[in-house]
N, C-alpha and C. Protein backbone atom coordinates (compact mmCIF):
# COMPACT_ATOMS: atom_id res chain seq x y z
N MET A 1 -41.70 -12.03 -37.44
CA MET A 1 -42.78 -12.93 -38.27
C MET A 1 -43.57 -12.87 -36.94
N ALA A 2 -44.99 -13.06 -37.38
CA ALA A 2 -46.52 -13.11 -37.07
C ALA A 2 -46.43 -14.26 -36.34
N HIS A 3 -47.33 -14.29 -35.43
CA HIS A 3 -47.54 -15.44 -34.94
C HIS A 3 -48.89 -16.46 -36.14
N ARG A 4 -48.83 -17.34 -35.94
CA ARG A 4 -49.73 -18.08 -36.30
C ARG A 4 -51.03 -18.88 -35.59
N VAL A 5 -52.30 -18.26 -35.66
CA VAL A 5 -53.38 -18.65 -34.60
C VAL A 5 -54.49 -19.04 -35.32
N SER A 6 -54.61 -20.09 -34.62
CA SER A 6 -55.96 -21.15 -34.99
C SER A 6 -56.80 -21.42 -33.76
N PHE A 7 -58.20 -21.85 -34.30
CA PHE A 7 -58.89 -21.97 -33.17
C PHE A 7 -59.97 -23.22 -33.44
N SER A 8 -60.35 -23.73 -32.39
CA SER A 8 -61.76 -24.50 -32.69
C SER A 8 -62.93 -24.03 -31.57
N LEU A 9 -64.03 -24.13 -32.41
CA LEU A 9 -65.41 -24.11 -31.38
C LEU A 9 -65.83 -25.47 -31.01
N PRO A 10 -66.34 -25.25 -29.59
CA PRO A 10 -66.88 -26.25 -28.82
C PRO A 10 -68.23 -26.81 -29.52
N GLU A 11 -68.51 -27.84 -29.74
CA GLU A 11 -69.68 -28.48 -30.18
C GLU A 11 -70.87 -28.36 -29.27
N ARG A 12 -71.04 -27.05 -28.22
CA ARG A 12 -72.22 -27.26 -27.61
C ARG A 12 -71.99 -25.29 -27.35
N GLU A 13 -73.41 -25.38 -26.44
CA GLU A 13 -73.40 -23.82 -26.14
C GLU A 13 -72.39 -22.91 -25.73
N LEU A 14 -72.08 -21.87 -26.14
CA LEU A 14 -70.94 -21.18 -26.16
C LEU A 14 -70.72 -20.63 -24.55
N GLY A 15 -71.89 -20.38 -23.86
CA GLY A 15 -72.17 -19.96 -22.57
C GLY A 15 -71.44 -20.98 -21.50
N ARG A 16 -71.41 -22.18 -22.04
CA ARG A 16 -70.85 -23.11 -21.18
C ARG A 16 -69.37 -23.82 -21.46
N ALA A 17 -68.83 -23.17 -22.55
CA ALA A 17 -67.78 -23.98 -22.95
C ALA A 17 -66.87 -22.74 -23.35
N ASP A 18 -65.30 -22.96 -23.14
CA ASP A 18 -64.49 -22.15 -23.60
C ASP A 18 -64.28 -21.92 -25.05
N VAL A 19 -64.04 -21.15 -25.66
CA VAL A 19 -63.30 -20.90 -27.10
C VAL A 19 -61.88 -21.07 -26.94
N GLU A 20 -61.34 -21.85 -27.31
CA GLU A 20 -59.93 -22.08 -27.61
C GLU A 20 -59.01 -21.63 -28.78
N PHE A 21 -58.00 -20.87 -28.41
CA PHE A 21 -56.91 -20.19 -29.70
C PHE A 21 -55.64 -21.05 -29.45
N LEU A 22 -55.44 -21.56 -30.31
CA LEU A 22 -53.89 -22.39 -30.47
C LEU A 22 -53.38 -21.11 -30.74
N VAL A 23 -51.70 -20.89 -30.38
CA VAL A 23 -50.96 -19.84 -31.12
C VAL A 23 -49.75 -20.53 -31.13
N ARG A 24 -49.20 -20.55 -32.60
CA ARG A 24 -47.97 -20.82 -32.81
C ARG A 24 -46.71 -19.94 -33.32
N LYS A 25 -45.52 -20.01 -32.78
CA LYS A 25 -44.45 -18.91 -33.12
C LYS A 25 -43.76 -19.86 -33.86
N ASP A 26 -43.12 -19.44 -35.32
CA ASP A 26 -42.09 -20.57 -35.99
C ASP A 26 -42.64 -21.70 -35.74
N GLY A 27 -43.94 -22.49 -35.96
CA GLY A 27 -44.02 -23.59 -36.43
C GLY A 27 -44.60 -24.34 -34.88
N SER A 28 -43.92 -23.86 -34.00
CA SER A 28 -44.35 -24.52 -32.84
C SER A 28 -45.17 -24.01 -31.86
N VAL A 29 -45.90 -24.77 -31.15
CA VAL A 29 -46.78 -24.05 -30.08
C VAL A 29 -46.27 -23.23 -28.97
N PHE A 30 -47.01 -21.89 -29.10
CA PHE A 30 -46.70 -20.78 -28.24
C PHE A 30 -46.94 -21.13 -26.99
N GLY A 31 -48.51 -21.31 -27.43
CA GLY A 31 -49.55 -20.92 -26.13
C GLY A 31 -50.92 -21.35 -26.50
N LYS A 32 -51.50 -21.38 -25.50
CA LYS A 32 -53.07 -21.64 -25.73
C LYS A 32 -53.85 -20.51 -24.98
N LEU A 33 -54.96 -19.93 -25.46
CA LEU A 33 -56.07 -18.77 -25.28
C LEU A 33 -57.23 -19.53 -24.87
N LEU A 34 -57.88 -19.43 -23.54
CA LEU A 34 -58.86 -19.99 -23.60
C LEU A 34 -59.61 -18.53 -23.17
N VAL A 35 -60.72 -18.67 -23.67
CA VAL A 35 -61.91 -17.45 -23.52
C VAL A 35 -63.31 -17.64 -23.00
N SER A 36 -63.65 -17.39 -22.30
CA SER A 36 -65.09 -17.92 -21.24
C SER A 36 -65.71 -16.49 -21.36
N LYS A 37 -67.11 -16.99 -20.77
CA LYS A 37 -67.95 -15.80 -20.47
C LYS A 37 -67.21 -14.85 -19.12
N GLY A 38 -66.57 -15.74 -18.15
CA GLY A 38 -66.08 -15.11 -17.01
C GLY A 38 -64.47 -14.87 -16.81
N ALA A 39 -63.93 -15.20 -17.90
CA ALA A 39 -62.44 -14.78 -17.87
C ALA A 39 -61.46 -15.07 -18.92
N ILE A 40 -60.61 -14.93 -19.15
CA ILE A 40 -59.35 -15.61 -20.12
C ILE A 40 -58.30 -16.39 -19.57
N VAL A 41 -57.80 -17.38 -20.05
CA VAL A 41 -56.65 -18.02 -19.63
C VAL A 41 -55.67 -17.88 -20.44
N TRP A 42 -54.53 -18.15 -20.14
CA TRP A 42 -53.25 -18.24 -21.08
C TRP A 42 -52.48 -19.50 -20.33
N ARG A 43 -52.33 -20.47 -21.27
CA ARG A 43 -51.50 -21.60 -21.02
C ARG A 43 -50.07 -21.25 -21.89
N THR A 44 -48.89 -21.22 -21.23
CA THR A 44 -47.71 -21.63 -22.29
C THR A 44 -47.24 -22.88 -22.81
N LYS A 45 -47.71 -23.72 -21.92
CA LYS A 45 -47.65 -25.29 -22.38
C LYS A 45 -49.05 -25.59 -22.56
N TRP A 46 -49.34 -25.85 -24.03
CA TRP A 46 -50.95 -25.83 -24.43
C TRP A 46 -51.39 -27.40 -23.92
N THR A 47 -50.58 -28.04 -23.64
CA THR A 47 -51.28 -29.33 -22.68
C THR A 47 -51.50 -29.23 -21.28
N SER A 48 -50.72 -28.51 -20.91
CA SER A 48 -50.86 -28.23 -19.50
C SER A 48 -52.57 -27.85 -18.73
N LYS A 49 -52.69 -28.21 -17.69
CA LYS A 49 -54.13 -27.94 -16.93
C LYS A 49 -54.00 -26.36 -16.16
N ARG A 50 -52.84 -26.05 -16.10
CA ARG A 50 -52.60 -24.76 -14.93
C ARG A 50 -51.95 -23.64 -16.43
N GLY A 51 -52.53 -22.50 -15.91
CA GLY A 51 -52.01 -21.15 -16.70
C GLY A 51 -52.77 -20.03 -15.86
N LYS A 52 -52.59 -18.82 -16.15
CA LYS A 52 -52.79 -17.73 -15.72
C LYS A 52 -54.12 -17.01 -16.18
N LYS A 53 -54.81 -16.84 -15.15
CA LYS A 53 -56.34 -16.54 -15.43
C LYS A 53 -56.54 -15.03 -15.11
N VAL A 54 -57.25 -14.39 -16.23
CA VAL A 54 -57.73 -12.68 -15.68
C VAL A 54 -59.02 -12.87 -16.20
N GLY A 55 -59.77 -12.15 -15.11
CA GLY A 55 -61.15 -11.66 -15.31
C GLY A 55 -61.27 -10.49 -16.15
N TRP A 56 -62.53 -10.16 -16.87
CA TRP A 56 -62.66 -9.35 -17.93
C TRP A 56 -62.28 -7.93 -17.50
N VAL A 57 -62.60 -7.46 -16.31
CA VAL A 57 -62.29 -6.39 -15.49
C VAL A 57 -60.74 -5.97 -15.76
N GLN A 58 -59.98 -6.99 -14.98
CA GLN A 58 -58.81 -7.11 -14.70
C GLN A 58 -58.18 -6.76 -16.46
N PHE A 59 -58.71 -7.93 -17.55
CA PHE A 59 -58.12 -7.75 -18.63
C PHE A 59 -58.41 -6.59 -19.39
N ALA A 60 -59.41 -5.69 -19.24
CA ALA A 60 -59.60 -4.48 -19.51
C ALA A 60 -58.44 -3.30 -19.04
N ASP A 61 -58.30 -3.58 -17.76
CA ASP A 61 -57.14 -2.73 -17.13
C ASP A 61 -56.01 -3.05 -17.60
N LEU A 62 -55.84 -4.06 -17.82
CA LEU A 62 -54.36 -4.57 -18.64
C LEU A 62 -54.00 -3.95 -19.93
N MET A 63 -55.08 -3.81 -20.66
CA MET A 63 -55.07 -3.62 -22.27
C MET A 63 -54.91 -2.29 -22.20
N HIS A 64 -55.53 -1.24 -20.99
CA HIS A 64 -55.67 -0.03 -21.05
C HIS A 64 -54.10 0.26 -20.53
N LYS A 65 -53.48 -0.26 -19.77
CA LYS A 65 -52.29 0.01 -19.29
C LYS A 65 -50.88 -0.38 -20.43
N TYR A 66 -51.11 -1.20 -21.09
CA TYR A 66 -50.02 -2.23 -21.65
C TYR A 66 -50.35 -2.01 -23.26
N GLY A 67 -51.42 -2.02 -23.60
CA GLY A 67 -51.96 -2.23 -24.70
C GLY A 67 -51.48 -0.87 -25.81
N GLN A 68 -51.25 -1.25 -27.19
CA GLN A 68 -50.91 -0.08 -28.05
C GLN A 68 -52.25 0.21 -28.47
N GLU A 69 -52.09 1.41 -29.26
CA GLU A 69 -53.43 1.71 -29.97
C GLU A 69 -53.43 1.15 -30.97
N GLU A 70 -54.59 0.80 -31.99
CA GLU A 70 -55.14 0.44 -33.04
C GLU A 70 -56.01 0.98 -33.81
N ARG A 71 -55.64 1.34 -34.73
CA ARG A 71 -57.16 1.84 -35.78
C ARG A 71 -57.99 1.24 -36.08
N GLY A 72 -58.88 1.26 -36.11
CA GLY A 72 -60.12 0.77 -36.26
C GLY A 72 -61.06 1.05 -37.33
C-alpha cells in the first residue's frame, strides 16, 4: 500500500521556515519530513523534537547510493 503524504506551508518566507511533510502509513502517522534550505530532517515520531538530520550534499550521496532509478 502506498503511503499517504500531506504537507503544510508556513505563512512566512520559505528561506526561514521549514516545509513539513506528514507521512501516514495505514492511517497512522509514520513520520514527518522537514525540508529547509540547509538540510532535511526525518522524525519518526512526528511530535518529537528529535530526528535524523542530513545536509543536502549527504542527501544527494544517499540517493545516488540507495535510490532507485525513476523515469521522468
